[in-house]
Amino acid sequence: MGSLTRIDHPAGAAARFVAAKRAYTVRNVPLSELAGLRSDVTPKPGDIVLARVEQLGQHQHLEDSTGRRAKMWPGDEILVAFGNRYAPDQFEAYVPANLQPCHLVAGGGVAATVASRHPQVRAATAIAPIGLVTDAAGGPLNLRRFALEPLPAPARRPPVIAAVGGSMNTGKTTTACGLVRGLRAAGLRPAAAKVTGTGSGGDRWAVADAGAIAVLDFTDFGYATTFGASVAQIETILAQAIARHTKAGAQAIVIEIADGVLQRETAALLGSARFGQLVDTVVYAAESAMSASAGVAWLEARGVNVAAVSGLLTTSPLAMREAAEALVVPVLRLEALCEGGFVRDLVAGLRESVAA
């Protein structure tokens, strides 16, 4: 582990932790567990870091545990977690090899070094790590230590429907919300989970507001982001989310999978045998008719059952007509998902395949 490099007297560190702005990604870490700081350890994904805001850029607010977007100022100290980020519309970023100056690459509280960015976004907010946060014994604190306790697989589970898409911002979260609303309209108690992506509470609260009785995401299982995680780790997140929601009494479960089907971790998960065992069907969110046609074909070639297409393309009547002419599965606006008829029939057809 190396010798402990004290940056503050412990009492001084504790005062800084209390005063710092704390991000969504570290919301499950009790302040009482934060004991000290050290600078002589190579950071890993999920390690908690106290950092100073140097120069504001793309992210000028830090999302806290309640969803409040706290305005940041240069000189602020923030508690965030290291993590890799995959966001074609924003940043590609990786955990650095040391505590060098780096960037805040997600408003939910992810620190990394930017490797590339979309030209339409501003440069990332620059931060200077002060030190990795440690426990009382001097060991770096990682989010995995505060993950929910694992549950055994249930003997039976409710129907599971996943919202997947062609890329970022194709309407996956909106589709997930529509499925939740439709399940409520059908008289069921739905739960929801986001199993891949970058730590942020927006999607979590969106499905909660849509009527999910319980909501989880990968941060509950110790991950600031899932970019770079193994397929086995992501399968475990998926399985544990389903186990917890089943125990909570959910009658149907809606899963959101981030990014597009060609993203590395997403593609690996969708093509895995475990995914086929745990997820009964998917609704594909597309931004265009071509994306809908190619995406459905890609999924079906991997044995994934596609129930319908929805998403951004449904804002255009012409794009909807093009997609409908190219596909066998229905193309549905948000309103059609919400009203409950389609979802009621879908779930009724899945009741025969609910063994975990």
Protein backbone atom coordinates (compact mmCIF):
# COMPACT_ATOMS: atom_id res chain seq x y z
CA MET A 1 0.00 0.00 0.00
CA GLY A 2 2.92 2.34 0.56
CA SER A 3 3.51 4.77 3.35
CA LEU A 4 0.74 7.18 4.22
CA THR A 5 1.31 10.70 2.96
CA ARG A 6 -0.71 13.02 5.19
CA ILE A 7 -1.97 16.11 3.41
CA ASP A 8 -3.92 17.34 6.40
CA HIS A 9 -4.03 16.54 10.05
CA PRO A 10 -7.06 14.18 10.31
CA ALA A 11 -9.12 16.79 12.13
CA GLY A 12 -8.38 19.27 9.35
CA ALA A 13 -9.31 16.73 6.70
CA ALA A 14 -12.63 16.04 8.43
CA ALA A 15 -13.51 19.72 8.37
CA ARG A 16 -12.71 19.87 4.66
CA PHE A 17 -14.91 16.87 3.95
CA VAL A 18 -17.85 18.50 5.70
CA ALA A 19 -17.34 21.77 3.85
CA ALA A 20 -16.82 20.21 0.40
CA LYS A 21 -19.58 19.90 -2.16
CA ARG A 22 -20.44 16.18 -2.36
CA ALA A 23 -21.51 14.63 -5.65
CA TYR A 24 -24.24 12.16 -6.52
CA THR A 25 -21.68 9.43 -7.20
CA VAL A 26 -20.50 9.45 -3.57
CA ARG A 27 -23.93 9.83 -1.96
CA ASN A 28 -23.82 6.33 -0.42
CA VAL A 29 -20.57 7.01 1.43
CA PRO A 30 -21.17 8.20 5.02
CA LEU A 31 -19.13 11.23 6.05
CA SER A 32 -18.14 9.30 9.16
CA GLU A 33 -16.13 6.89 6.97
CA LEU A 34 -13.96 9.69 5.54
CA ALA A 35 -10.86 9.89 7.74
CA GLY A 36 -7.87 11.25 5.84
CA LEU A 37 -6.15 12.04 2.57
CA ARG A 38 -3.16 10.59 0.77
CA SER A 39 -1.36 11.32 -2.46
CA ASP A 40 0.96 8.35 -2.97
CA VAL A 41 -1.49 5.85 -4.47
CA THR A 42 -2.41 5.25 -8.10
CA PRO A 43 -6.13 6.04 -8.43
CA LYS A 44 -8.57 3.36 -9.59
CA PRO A 45 -12.12 3.61 -10.91
CA GLY A 46 -14.41 4.24 -7.96
CA ASP A 47 -11.78 5.78 -5.68
CA ILE A 48 -13.11 8.84 -3.86
CA VAL A 49 -11.10 12.03 -4.29
CA LEU A 50 -11.15 15.48 -2.74
CA ALA A 51 -10.38 17.96 -5.52
CA ARG A 52 -10.23 21.71 -6.01
CA VAL A 53 -12.07 23.39 -8.88
CA GLU A 54 -9.50 25.26 -10.96
CA GLN A 55 -11.34 26.53 -14.04
CA LEU A 56 -14.98 26.11 -14.99
CA GLY A 57 -15.84 24.58 -18.33
CA GLN A 58 -18.63 22.33 -19.64
CA HIS A 59 -19.86 21.39 -16.17
CA GLN A 60 -20.43 24.42 -13.98
CA HIS A 61 -22.72 22.69 -11.48
CA LEU A 62 -22.23 19.59 -9.35
CA GLU A 63 -25.25 17.35 -8.87
CA ASP A 64 -25.63 16.30 -5.26
CA SER A 65 -27.41 13.35 -3.67
CA THR A 66 -30.80 15.07 -3.79
CA GLY A 67 -30.52 16.12 -7.43
CA ARG A 68 -29.74 19.72 -6.59
CA ARG A 69 -27.32 21.24 -9.09
CA ALA A 70 -24.90 23.14 -6.87
CA LYS A 71 -23.14 26.03 -8.60
CA MET A 72 -19.35 25.59 -8.50
CA TRP A 73 -16.81 28.36 -8.18
CA PRO A 74 -13.06 28.28 -8.77
CA GLY A 75 -11.45 27.34 -5.47
CA ASP A 76 -14.34 25.13 -4.35
CA GLU A 77 -13.42 21.73 -2.94
CA ILE A 78 -15.52 18.83 -4.20
CA LEU A 79 -15.87 15.16 -3.27
CA VAL A 80 -16.19 13.06 -6.43
CA ALA A 81 -15.14 9.63 -7.69
CA PHE A 82 -12.64 8.61 -10.33
CA GLY A 83 -14.13 6.85 -13.34
CA ASN A 84 -13.79 6.38 -17.08
CA ARG A 85 -16.37 8.10 -19.29
CA TYR A 86 -17.77 7.18 -22.69
CA ALA A 87 -20.00 9.90 -24.11
CA PRO A 88 -19.84 10.52 -27.89
CA ASP A 89 -21.83 13.74 -27.43
CA GLN A 90 -19.45 14.97 -24.71
CA PHE A 91 -16.23 13.35 -23.47
CA GLU A 92 -14.09 10.28 -23.80
CA ALA A 93 -12.06 10.21 -20.57
CA TYR A 94 -9.97 7.85 -18.46
CA VAL A 95 -8.77 7.54 -14.88
CA PRO A 96 -5.26 9.08 -14.75
CA ALA A 97 -2.16 7.23 -13.60
CA ASN A 98 -1.57 9.64 -10.71
CA LEU A 99 -3.10 12.59 -8.92
CA GLN A 100 -2.20 15.02 -11.66
CA PRO A 101 -4.56 17.85 -12.61
CA CYS A 102 -7.49 16.37 -14.51
CA HIS A 103 -11.14 17.12 -15.29
CA LEU A 104 -14.67 16.88 -14.02
CA VAL A 105 -16.18 14.91 -16.90
CA ALA A 106 -19.73 14.47 -15.57
CA GLY A 107 -21.91 16.72 -13.44
CA GLY A 108 -22.86 13.75 -11.26
CA GLY A 109 -19.29 13.73 -9.95
CA VAL A 110 -16.77 11.83 -12.11
CA ALA A 111 -13.08 12.77 -12.26
CA ALA A 112 -10.91 11.68 -15.21
CA THR A 113 -8.53 12.95 -17.86
CA VAL A 114 -10.19 13.88 -21.16
CA ALA A 115 -8.88 12.04 -24.21
CA SER A 116 -11.34 13.52 -26.74
CA ARG A 117 -14.45 15.66 -26.80
CA HIS A 118 -17.29 16.54 -29.11
CA PRO A 119 -16.59 19.88 -30.81
CA GLN A 120 -19.95 21.28 -29.78
CA VAL A 121 -19.24 21.05 -26.05
CA ARG A 122 -16.97 23.30 -24.04
CA ALA A 123 -13.66 22.16 -22.64
CA ALA A 124 -14.09 20.14 -19.46
CA THR A 125 -13.98 21.81 -16.06
CA ALA A 126 -10.41 21.62 -14.76
CA ILE A 127 -9.85 20.21 -11.28
CA ALA A 128 -6.77 19.57 -9.14
CA PRO A 129 -6.93 16.43 -6.97
CA ILE A 130 -5.89 17.19 -3.40
CA GLY A 131 -5.79 13.56 -2.32
CA LEU A 132 -7.55 10.25 -2.31
CA VAL A 133 -9.92 9.94 0.61
CA THR A 134 -8.92 7.25 3.11
CA ASP A 135 -10.43 5.30 5.95
CA ALA A 136 -9.07 5.43 9.50
CA ALA A 137 -6.39 2.86 8.63
CA GLY A 138 -5.13 4.93 5.72
CA GLY A 139 -6.59 2.79 2.95
CA PRO A 140 -8.18 4.57 -0.02
CA LEU A 141 -11.96 4.49 0.05
CA ASN A 142 -13.61 3.04 -3.04
CA LEU A 143 -17.30 3.07 -3.93
CA ARG A 144 -17.31 -0.72 -4.12
CA ARG A 145 -16.96 -0.83 -0.33
CA PHE A 146 -20.37 0.82 -0.01
CA ALA A 147 -22.25 -1.29 -2.56
CA LEU A 148 -25.53 -2.91 -1.59
CA GLU A 149 -25.19 -6.35 -0.08
CA PRO A 150 -25.65 -9.09 -2.71
CA LEU A 151 -28.89 -11.05 -2.71
CA PRO A 152 -29.45 -14.61 -3.92
CA ALA A 153 -31.20 -15.03 -7.26
CA PRO A 154 -34.97 -15.28 -6.79
CA ALA A 155 -36.70 -18.55 -7.65
CA ARG A 156 -39.00 -16.59 -9.93
CA ARG A 157 -38.92 -13.04 -11.16
CA PRO A 158 -41.42 -10.68 -12.81
CA PRO A 159 -41.23 -9.81 -16.52
CA VAL A 160 -38.21 -7.67 -17.41
CA ILE A 161 -38.25 -5.17 -20.29
CA ALA A 162 -35.13 -3.24 -21.34
CA ALA A 163 -34.88 0.12 -23.09
CA VAL A 164 -31.88 0.16 -25.42
CA GLY A 165 -30.93 2.51 -28.23
CA GLY A 166 -28.78 3.42 -31.19
CA SER A 167 -26.63 5.99 -29.38
CA MET A 168 -26.71 8.66 -26.71
CA ASN A 169 -29.76 10.91 -26.63
CA THR A 170 -32.05 8.73 -28.73
CA GLY A 171 -34.79 8.68 -26.10
CA LYS A 172 -33.93 5.62 -23.98
CA THR A 173 -34.83 7.26 -20.67
CA THR A 174 -38.03 8.70 -22.14
CA THR A 175 -38.87 5.23 -23.46
CA ALA A 176 -38.18 3.72 -20.02
CA CYS A 177 -40.48 6.33 -18.47
CA GLY A 178 -43.18 5.51 -21.02
CA LEU A 179 -42.92 1.82 -20.16
CA VAL A 180 -43.23 2.61 -16.45
CA ARG A 181 -46.28 4.78 -17.10
CA GLY A 182 -47.80 2.06 -19.26
CA LEU A 183 -47.24 -0.56 -16.59
CA ARG A 184 -48.93 1.68 -14.03
CA ALA A 185 -51.83 2.23 -16.42
CA ALA A 186 -52.08 -1.56 -16.77
CA GLY A 187 -52.51 -1.82 -12.99
CA LEU A 188 -49.04 -3.18 -12.22
CA ARG A 189 -46.34 -2.12 -9.77
CA PRO A 190 -43.21 -1.46 -11.86
CA ALA A 191 -39.65 -0.93 -10.66
CA ALA A 192 -36.78 0.44 -12.73
CA ALA A 193 -33.01 0.27 -12.91
CA LYS A 194 -30.22 1.75 -15.02
CA VAL A 195 -27.45 -0.82 -15.23
CA THR A 196 -24.81 0.95 -17.35
CA GLY A 197 -23.73 4.53 -17.94
CA THR A 198 -22.20 7.48 -16.11
CA GLY A 199 -23.24 8.38 -12.56
CA SER A 200 -26.02 10.96 -12.53
CA GLY A 201 -29.36 11.14 -10.83
CA GLY A 202 -31.40 12.59 -13.68
CA ASP A 203 -32.43 9.28 -15.21
CA ARG A 204 -33.09 7.81 -11.78
CA TRP A 205 -35.51 10.55 -10.80
CA ALA A 206 -37.17 10.56 -14.22
CA VAL A 207 -38.38 6.95 -13.85
CA ALA A 208 -39.24 7.55 -10.20
CA ASP A 209 -41.42 10.49 -11.24
CA ALA A 210 -43.00 8.28 -13.91
CA GLY A 211 -44.25 5.99 -11.15
CA ALA A 212 -41.62 3.33 -10.47
CA ILE A 213 -42.08 1.94 -6.95
CA ALA A 214 -38.31 1.50 -6.55
CA VAL A 215 -35.31 2.65 -8.57
CA LEU A 216 -31.69 1.51 -8.62
CA ASP A 217 -28.67 2.29 -10.72
CA PHE A 218 -25.11 1.01 -11.02
CA THR A 219 -23.89 3.53 -8.45
CA ASP A 220 -25.85 1.57 -5.84
CA PHE A 221 -23.59 -1.36 -6.64
CA GLY A 222 -20.32 0.57 -6.29
CA TYR A 223 -19.63 2.00 -9.76
CA ALA A 224 -19.21 5.67 -10.65
CA THR A 225 -19.40 4.62 -14.32
CA THR A 226 -19.47 1.29 -16.13
CA PHE A 227 -17.16 2.21 -19.03
CA GLY A 228 -14.29 -0.26 -18.72
CA ALA A 229 -16.19 -2.72 -16.51
CA SER A 230 -16.20 -6.37 -17.55
CA VAL A 231 -19.31 -8.02 -18.93
CA ALA A 232 -19.37 -10.25 -15.84
CA GLN A 233 -19.48 -7.17 -13.59
CA ILE A 234 -22.33 -5.64 -15.60
CA GLU A 235 -24.24 -8.92 -15.62
CA THR A 236 -23.93 -8.93 -11.83
CA ILE A 237 -25.33 -5.39 -11.62
CA LEU A 238 -28.25 -6.45 -13.81
CA ALA A 239 -28.90 -9.63 -11.83
CA GLN A 240 -28.69 -7.86 -8.48
CA ALA A 241 -31.03 -5.07 -9.58
CA ILE A 242 -33.58 -7.68 -10.66
CA ALA A 243 -33.14 -9.62 -7.41
CA ARG A 244 -33.68 -6.51 -5.28
CA HIS A 245 -36.72 -5.34 -7.22
CA THR A 246 -38.22 -8.83 -7.10
CA LYS A 247 -37.76 -8.86 -3.32
CA ALA A 248 -39.39 -5.41 -3.14
CA GLY A 249 -42.54 -6.79 -4.77
CA ALA A 250 -42.25 -5.36 -8.26
CA GLN A 251 -44.68 -6.91 -10.76
CA ALA A 252 -42.58 -5.82 -13.75
CA ILE A 253 -39.08 -4.37 -14.10
CA VAL A 254 -37.87 -1.79 -16.63
CA ILE A 255 -34.14 -1.74 -17.31
CA GLU A 256 -32.28 1.08 -19.07
CA ILE A 257 -28.98 0.34 -20.81
CA ALA A 258 -26.93 3.41 -21.66
CA ASP A 259 -25.26 4.45 -24.92
CA GLY A 260 -25.74 2.70 -28.24
CA VAL A 261 -25.79 -0.98 -29.06
CA LEU A 262 -22.31 -0.74 -30.61
CA GLN A 263 -20.70 0.66 -27.45
CA ARG A 264 -18.31 -1.97 -26.11
CA GLU A 265 -19.90 -2.83 -22.77
CA THR A 266 -23.44 -2.50 -24.14
CA ALA A 267 -22.69 -4.81 -27.07
CA ALA A 268 -21.06 -7.37 -24.79
CA LEU A 269 -24.02 -7.35 -22.40
CA LEU A 270 -26.67 -7.59 -25.11
CA GLY A 271 -24.83 -10.48 -26.72
CA SER A 272 -24.35 -12.44 -23.50
CA ALA A 273 -26.27 -15.57 -22.58
CA ARG A 274 -26.97 -14.14 -19.12
CA PHE A 275 -28.77 -11.14 -20.63
CA GLY A 276 -31.07 -13.50 -22.50
CA GLN A 277 -31.82 -15.33 -19.27
CA LEU A 278 -32.61 -12.17 -17.30
CA VAL A 279 -34.32 -9.89 -19.84
CA ASP A 280 -37.43 -10.98 -21.71
CA THR A 281 -37.69 -8.32 -24.38
CA VAL A 282 -36.45 -4.85 -25.38
CA VAL A 283 -37.89 -1.65 -26.78
CA TYR A 284 -35.39 0.02 -29.12
CA ALA A 285 -35.07 3.82 -29.06
CA ALA A 286 -33.91 5.15 -32.43
CA GLU A 287 -33.12 8.59 -33.79
CA SER A 288 -33.87 7.70 -37.44
CA ALA A 289 -35.54 5.07 -39.59
CA MET A 290 -32.16 3.72 -40.66
CA SER A 291 -31.07 3.40 -37.03
CA ALA A 292 -34.31 1.59 -36.26
CA SER A 293 -33.89 -0.85 -39.14
CA ALA A 294 -30.20 -1.54 -38.47
CA GLY A 295 -30.61 -1.68 -34.70
CA VAL A 296 -33.49 -4.15 -34.74
CA ALA A 297 -31.59 -6.36 -37.19
CA TRP A 298 -28.45 -6.20 -35.01
CA LEU A 299 -30.40 -7.18 -31.90
CA GLU A 300 -32.35 -9.97 -33.53
CA ALA A 301 -29.15 -11.42 -35.01
CA ARG A 302 -27.98 -11.86 -31.40
CA GLY A 303 -31.17 -13.54 -30.29
CA VAL A 304 -32.61 -10.48 -28.52
CA ASN A 305 -36.39 -10.21 -28.74
CA VAL A 306 -37.47 -6.73 -29.87
CA ALA A 307 -41.03 -5.79 -28.90
CA ALA A 308 -41.20 -2.33 -30.48
CA VAL A 309 -39.33 0.74 -31.65
CA SER A 310 -39.78 4.15 -30.06
CA GLY A 311 -37.54 7.10 -29.21
CA LEU A 312 -36.52 10.30 -30.94
CA LEU A 313 -37.61 9.26 -34.42
CA THR A 314 -41.25 9.28 -33.28
CA THR A 315 -41.19 13.07 -33.12
CA SER A 316 -41.22 13.01 -36.94
CA PRO A 317 -44.28 11.51 -38.67
CA LEU A 318 -42.24 10.95 -41.82
CA ALA A 319 -39.45 9.14 -39.95
CA MET A 320 -42.07 7.01 -38.22
CA ARG A 321 -43.61 6.07 -41.55
CA GLU A 322 -40.23 5.17 -43.02
CA ALA A 323 -39.41 2.98 -40.02
CA ALA A 324 -42.83 1.30 -40.03
CA GLU A 325 -42.42 0.39 -43.71
CA ALA A 326 -39.02 -1.21 -42.98
CA LEU A 327 -39.95 -3.11 -39.81
CA VAL A 328 -42.24 -5.87 -38.66
CA VAL A 329 -42.33 -4.68 -35.02
CA PRO A 330 -44.54 -1.67 -34.18
CA VAL A 331 -43.19 1.89 -34.05
CA LEU A 332 -44.75 3.64 -31.08
CA ARG A 333 -44.91 7.20 -29.84
CA LEU A 334 -44.47 7.90 -26.14
CA GLU A 335 -48.22 8.30 -25.73
CA ALA A 336 -48.80 4.76 -26.99
CA LEU A 337 -46.40 3.38 -24.40
CA CYS A 338 -47.97 5.42 -21.61
CA GLU A 339 -51.61 4.57 -22.24
CA GLY A 340 -51.05 0.99 -21.21
CA GLY A 341 -52.68 -1.15 -23.86
CA PHE A 342 -49.49 -2.17 -25.65
CA VAL A 343 -47.59 -2.72 -22.40
CA ARG A 344 -50.49 -4.71 -20.89
CA ASP A 345 -50.53 -7.09 -23.86
CA LEU A 346 -46.72 -7.29 -23.87
CA VAL A 347 -46.51 -8.28 -20.21
CA ALA A 348 -49.33 -10.79 -20.57
CA GLY A 349 -47.31 -12.50 -23.29
CA LEU A 350 -44.22 -12.63 -21.09
CA ARG A 351 -45.76 -14.25 -18.04
CA GLU A 352 -44.73 -17.68 -19.22
CA SER A 353 -41.02 -16.81 -19.12
CA VAL A 354 -40.43 -15.42 -15.65
CA ALA A 355 -38.17 -18.08 -14.15
CA ALA A 356 -34.92 -16.51 -12.98
